[in-house]
Amino acid sequence: MDKLKLYQWPQVIGGEVLAIHIPGIKSEQMVLDADTVCHIYLGDIKYWDNPKLKKLNPNLKLPHKKITVVHRSDGSGTTAVFTHYLDEVCPDWHKKVGFGKAVKWPVGIGGKGNEGVANYVKRLRYSIGYVEYAYALQNRLTYTLLVNPAGKVVKPTLDSFSAAGKYGDYDPKKHFYTWITNTPGADAWPIVAATNILVAREKPQTAKKVTKFFNWAFSKKEMNSKKTRLCTTS
């Protein structure tokens, strides 16, 4: 930020979900945890009736159908957050793949943007993909619950995103750079990120106006609502 002569600060928090397409299964019926998500994306869990998935979902009739893994084909912050989530909790992922805006995927097909992943999952039976929560809702995708680091099964909601955001290290000396995946809160959704706003230091008057605008915009109740699928950091 110093070299680029920019200011940044986090303004909104949003979550990512695992969207699935299994006929007969609705949103918030299936449970996944970090281990199963990791090994699905490593290609180790190949079928929906894998014993690990059945153990997490004893009341669901899971089909013996091959899992089609969908990921982003382009570099993205969404991928950085998702792979960071896996990298923190799955040693196999950390060793073989790592995290970043773009990674070498062990398995799967790539879709461009959240929209591309959403479209694949919507069209392909027995598929799974990671998308922003808003895209899952807008595209009427089925999404799962997740087990968080506290061992609690949680839903993706504004409250669970906000619960994760409380654990961010919002240090101005570090330009507010922080990760909020896998936070320890009992009610926290595990795949969450803050979106930063950037302004140029060389134009202080413009920066003041921009800051004033965002302070006004995010003071509105509508920003913490089901319309935006986002919550503010303050």
Protein backbone atom coordinates (compact mmCIF):
# COMPACT_ATOMS: atom_id res chain seq x y z
CA MET A 1 0.00 0.00 0.00
CA ASP A 2 2.83 2.40 0.81
CA LYS A 3 4.57 1.83 -2.52
CA LEU A 4 1.31 2.25 -4.41
CA LYS A 5 0.40 5.30 -2.30
CA LEU A 6 -2.98 3.90 -1.40
CA TYR A 7 -5.12 3.71 1.69
CA GLN A 8 -7.32 0.70 2.30
CA TRP A 9 -9.80 -0.31 4.95
CA PRO A 10 -12.28 -3.18 5.32
CA GLN A 11 -15.88 -2.15 4.86
CA VAL A 12 -18.06 -5.19 4.27
CA ILE A 13 -17.93 -8.87 5.16
CA GLY A 14 -19.36 -11.72 3.11
CA GLY A 15 -19.26 -15.48 3.05
CA GLU A 16 -18.75 -18.30 0.60
CA VAL A 17 -20.76 -21.50 0.48
CA LEU A 18 -20.48 -24.96 -1.02
CA ALA A 19 -23.18 -25.26 -3.65
CA ILE A 20 -24.28 -28.79 -4.56
CA HIS A 21 -26.61 -30.38 -7.10
CA ILE A 22 -27.96 -33.66 -5.76
CA PRO A 23 -31.56 -34.39 -6.78
CA GLY A 24 -33.80 -34.63 -3.73
CA ILE A 25 -31.51 -32.70 -1.39
CA LYS A 26 -32.40 -29.12 -0.47
CA SER A 27 -30.40 -26.22 0.95
CA GLU A 28 -29.22 -26.62 4.53
CA GLN A 29 -29.96 -30.35 4.61
CA MET A 30 -26.47 -31.66 3.93
CA VAL A 31 -23.53 -31.13 6.29
CA LEU A 32 -19.89 -30.92 5.24
CA ASP A 33 -16.77 -30.28 7.27
CA ALA A 34 -13.29 -29.06 6.38
CA ASP A 35 -11.93 -32.60 6.05
CA THR A 36 -14.59 -33.75 3.60
CA VAL A 37 -14.46 -30.56 1.55
CA CYS A 38 -10.68 -30.82 1.39
CA HIS A 39 -10.65 -34.41 0.20
CA ILE A 40 -13.46 -33.86 -2.28
CA TYR A 41 -11.34 -31.12 -3.87
CA LEU A 42 -8.22 -33.29 -3.70
CA GLY A 43 -10.11 -36.01 -5.55
CA ASP A 44 -9.85 -38.51 -2.69
CA ILE A 45 -13.59 -38.56 -1.97
CA LYS A 46 -15.05 -39.54 -5.31
CA TYR A 47 -18.66 -40.54 -4.59
CA TRP A 48 -21.48 -38.89 -2.70
CA ASP A 49 -22.08 -41.98 -0.57
CA ASN A 50 -18.52 -41.99 0.77
CA PRO A 51 -18.48 -43.24 4.40
CA LYS A 52 -17.24 -39.87 5.69
CA LEU A 53 -20.16 -38.08 4.04
CA LYS A 54 -22.64 -40.67 5.29
CA LYS A 55 -21.33 -40.28 8.83
CA LEU A 56 -21.94 -36.52 8.70
CA ASN A 57 -25.38 -37.05 7.17
CA PRO A 58 -26.96 -40.16 8.75
CA ASN A 59 -30.49 -39.07 7.84
CA LEU A 60 -29.81 -38.38 4.15
CA LYS A 61 -30.01 -40.97 1.41
CA LEU A 62 -26.81 -40.21 -0.47
CA PRO A 63 -26.50 -41.66 -3.98
CA HIS A 64 -23.61 -43.72 -5.29
CA LYS A 65 -22.88 -41.09 -7.91
CA LYS A 66 -19.51 -39.66 -8.86
CA ILE A 67 -18.85 -36.15 -7.61
CA THR A 68 -18.18 -33.52 -10.27
CA VAL A 69 -15.90 -30.91 -8.73
CA VAL A 70 -16.23 -27.33 -9.99
CA HIS A 71 -13.73 -24.56 -9.30
CA ARG A 72 -12.79 -21.18 -10.71
CA SER A 73 -10.84 -21.11 -13.96
CA ASP A 74 -9.70 -17.52 -13.39
CA GLY A 75 -7.67 -16.03 -10.57
CA SER A 76 -9.92 -14.54 -7.92
CA GLY A 77 -10.29 -13.40 -4.36
CA THR A 78 -13.03 -16.00 -4.00
CA THR A 79 -10.51 -18.74 -4.74
CA ALA A 80 -7.95 -17.17 -2.40
CA VAL A 81 -10.45 -17.26 0.47
CA PHE A 82 -11.65 -20.80 -0.27
CA THR A 83 -8.15 -22.24 -0.61
CA HIS A 84 -6.99 -20.36 2.49
CA TYR A 85 -9.85 -22.01 4.39
CA LEU A 86 -8.62 -25.44 3.25
CA ASP A 87 -4.94 -24.63 3.72
CA GLU A 88 -5.45 -23.75 7.38
CA VAL A 89 -7.23 -26.93 8.41
CA CYS A 90 -6.20 -29.66 5.97
CA PRO A 91 -2.53 -30.76 6.08
CA ASP A 92 -2.89 -32.67 2.80
CA TRP A 93 -4.14 -29.55 1.05
CA HIS A 94 -1.36 -27.44 2.55
CA LYS A 95 1.24 -29.92 1.34
CA LYS A 96 -0.14 -30.55 -2.15
CA VAL A 97 -1.90 -27.34 -3.22
CA GLY A 98 -1.59 -24.36 -0.89
CA PHE A 99 -3.61 -21.19 -1.29
CA GLY A 100 -3.81 -18.19 -3.57
CA LYS A 101 -5.92 -16.42 -6.15
CA ALA A 102 -5.04 -19.19 -8.60
CA VAL A 103 -3.85 -22.70 -7.73
CA LYS A 104 -3.13 -25.93 -9.57
CA TRP A 105 -6.35 -27.83 -9.01
CA PRO A 106 -5.94 -31.59 -8.52
CA VAL A 107 -9.37 -32.35 -10.01
CA GLY A 108 -12.43 -30.71 -11.48
CA ILE A 109 -13.66 -28.36 -14.16
CA GLY A 110 -13.25 -24.60 -14.17
CA GLY A 111 -15.88 -21.91 -14.52
CA LYS A 112 -15.12 -18.24 -15.09
CA GLY A 113 -16.25 -16.07 -12.22
CA ASN A 114 -18.80 -16.88 -9.56
CA GLU A 115 -21.37 -16.91 -12.32
CA GLY A 116 -19.49 -19.57 -14.28
CA VAL A 117 -19.20 -21.87 -11.26
CA ALA A 118 -22.85 -21.28 -10.37
CA ASN A 119 -23.96 -22.13 -13.90
CA TYR A 120 -21.97 -25.38 -13.92
CA VAL A 121 -23.39 -26.49 -10.58
CA LYS A 122 -26.90 -25.56 -11.67
CA ARG A 123 -26.59 -27.62 -14.88
CA LEU A 124 -24.55 -30.62 -13.75
CA ARG A 125 -26.11 -33.22 -11.51
CA TYR A 126 -23.98 -34.46 -8.60
CA SER A 127 -21.66 -31.46 -8.78
CA ILE A 128 -20.18 -29.24 -6.09
CA GLY A 129 -18.67 -25.76 -6.32
CA TYR A 130 -17.71 -22.83 -4.11
CA VAL A 131 -19.42 -19.50 -4.71
CA GLU A 132 -20.23 -16.34 -2.85
CA TYR A 133 -23.37 -16.68 -0.79
CA ALA A 134 -25.18 -14.06 -2.89
CA TYR A 135 -24.58 -16.04 -6.10
CA ALA A 136 -25.97 -19.19 -4.52
CA LEU A 137 -29.15 -17.35 -3.59
CA GLN A 138 -29.47 -15.43 -6.85
CA ASN A 139 -29.09 -18.63 -8.86
CA ARG A 140 -31.27 -20.67 -6.50
CA LEU A 141 -28.49 -23.14 -5.86
CA THR A 142 -28.64 -25.74 -3.13
CA TYR A 143 -25.98 -25.08 -0.50
CA THR A 144 -24.70 -27.03 2.48
CA LEU A 145 -24.21 -26.39 6.16
CA LEU A 146 -20.65 -26.52 7.49
CA VAL A 147 -18.99 -27.67 10.68
CA ASN A 148 -16.89 -24.78 12.00
CA PRO A 149 -13.65 -25.03 14.04
CA ALA A 150 -15.69 -24.99 17.25
CA GLY A 151 -17.31 -28.23 16.10
CA LYS A 152 -20.70 -26.63 15.61
CA VAL A 153 -22.88 -27.06 12.53
CA VAL A 154 -23.64 -23.55 11.27
CA LYS A 155 -25.73 -21.87 8.59
CA PRO A 156 -24.49 -19.14 6.24
CA THR A 157 -26.22 -16.00 7.54
CA LEU A 158 -25.35 -12.36 8.09
CA ASP A 159 -25.05 -13.15 11.79
CA SER A 160 -22.59 -16.02 11.24
CA PHE A 161 -20.54 -13.86 8.84
CA SER A 162 -20.49 -11.05 11.39
CA ALA A 163 -19.48 -13.49 14.14
CA ALA A 164 -16.43 -14.45 12.08
CA GLY A 165 -15.60 -10.83 11.32
CA LYS A 166 -15.22 -10.02 15.01
CA TYR A 167 -12.00 -12.03 15.05
CA GLY A 168 -10.26 -10.01 12.36
CA ASP A 169 -6.96 -8.31 13.23
CA TYR A 170 -7.88 -4.89 11.88
CA ASP A 171 -4.51 -3.25 12.51
CA PRO A 172 -4.00 0.04 10.62
CA LYS A 173 -0.22 -0.50 10.82
CA LYS A 174 -0.75 -3.58 8.64
CA HIS A 175 -3.16 -1.69 6.37
CA PHE A 176 -6.02 -3.71 7.92
CA TYR A 177 -4.80 -6.84 6.12
CA THR A 178 -6.43 -9.80 7.82
CA TRP A 179 -7.83 -13.28 7.25
CA ILE A 180 -11.10 -14.29 8.90
CA THR A 181 -11.43 -17.88 7.73
CA ASN A 182 -11.78 -20.60 10.37
CA THR A 183 -12.26 -18.22 13.28
CA PRO A 184 -12.90 -19.83 16.69
CA GLY A 185 -16.35 -18.36 17.38
CA ALA A 186 -19.05 -20.92 18.13
CA ASP A 187 -21.48 -19.20 15.79
CA ALA A 188 -18.98 -18.20 13.09
CA TRP A 189 -19.24 -19.32 9.47
CA PRO A 190 -15.78 -20.67 8.50
CA ILE A 191 -15.43 -19.28 4.93
CA VAL A 192 -15.62 -15.52 5.33
CA ALA A 193 -13.70 -12.53 4.02
CA ALA A 194 -13.64 -8.77 4.35
CA THR A 195 -13.76 -6.59 1.24
CA ASN A 196 -11.49 -3.56 1.31
CA ILE A 197 -11.97 -0.12 -0.17
CA LEU A 198 -8.96 1.56 -1.78
CA VAL A 199 -8.37 5.29 -2.17
CA ALA A 200 -5.39 7.24 -3.47
CA ARG A 201 -3.27 9.12 -0.94
CA GLU A 202 -2.16 11.67 -3.53
CA LYS A 203 -5.67 13.12 -3.72
CA PRO A 204 -6.63 13.81 -0.08
CA GLN A 205 -9.71 15.88 -0.93
CA THR A 206 -11.05 13.10 -3.13
CA ALA A 207 -10.22 10.56 -0.42
CA LYS A 208 -12.21 12.57 2.12
CA LYS A 209 -15.21 12.68 -0.18
CA VAL A 210 -14.98 8.96 -0.89
CA THR A 211 -14.69 8.19 2.82
CA LYS A 212 -17.68 10.41 3.58
CA PHE A 213 -19.72 8.64 0.92
CA PHE A 214 -18.97 5.17 2.26
CA ASN A 215 -19.63 6.26 5.84
CA TRP A 216 -23.04 7.45 4.68
CA ALA A 217 -23.76 4.44 2.49
CA PHE A 218 -22.90 1.83 5.08
CA SER A 219 -24.77 3.61 7.84
CA LYS A 220 -27.98 2.61 6.07
CA LYS A 221 -29.83 -0.40 7.42
CA GLU A 222 -30.20 -1.72 3.89
CA MET A 223 -26.49 -2.56 3.76
CA ASN A 224 -26.87 -5.08 6.59
CA SER A 225 -29.73 -6.84 4.89
CA LYS A 226 -30.85 -9.84 2.91
CA LYS A 227 -30.74 -7.64 -0.20
CA THR A 228 -26.96 -7.25 -0.20
CA ARG A 229 -26.05 -10.54 1.56
CA LEU A 230 -23.27 -8.53 3.24
CA CYS A 231 -22.66 -7.09 6.68
CA THR A 232 -20.53 -4.09 7.55
CA THR A 233 -17.37 -4.24 9.63
CA SER A 234 -18.56 -1.61 12.06
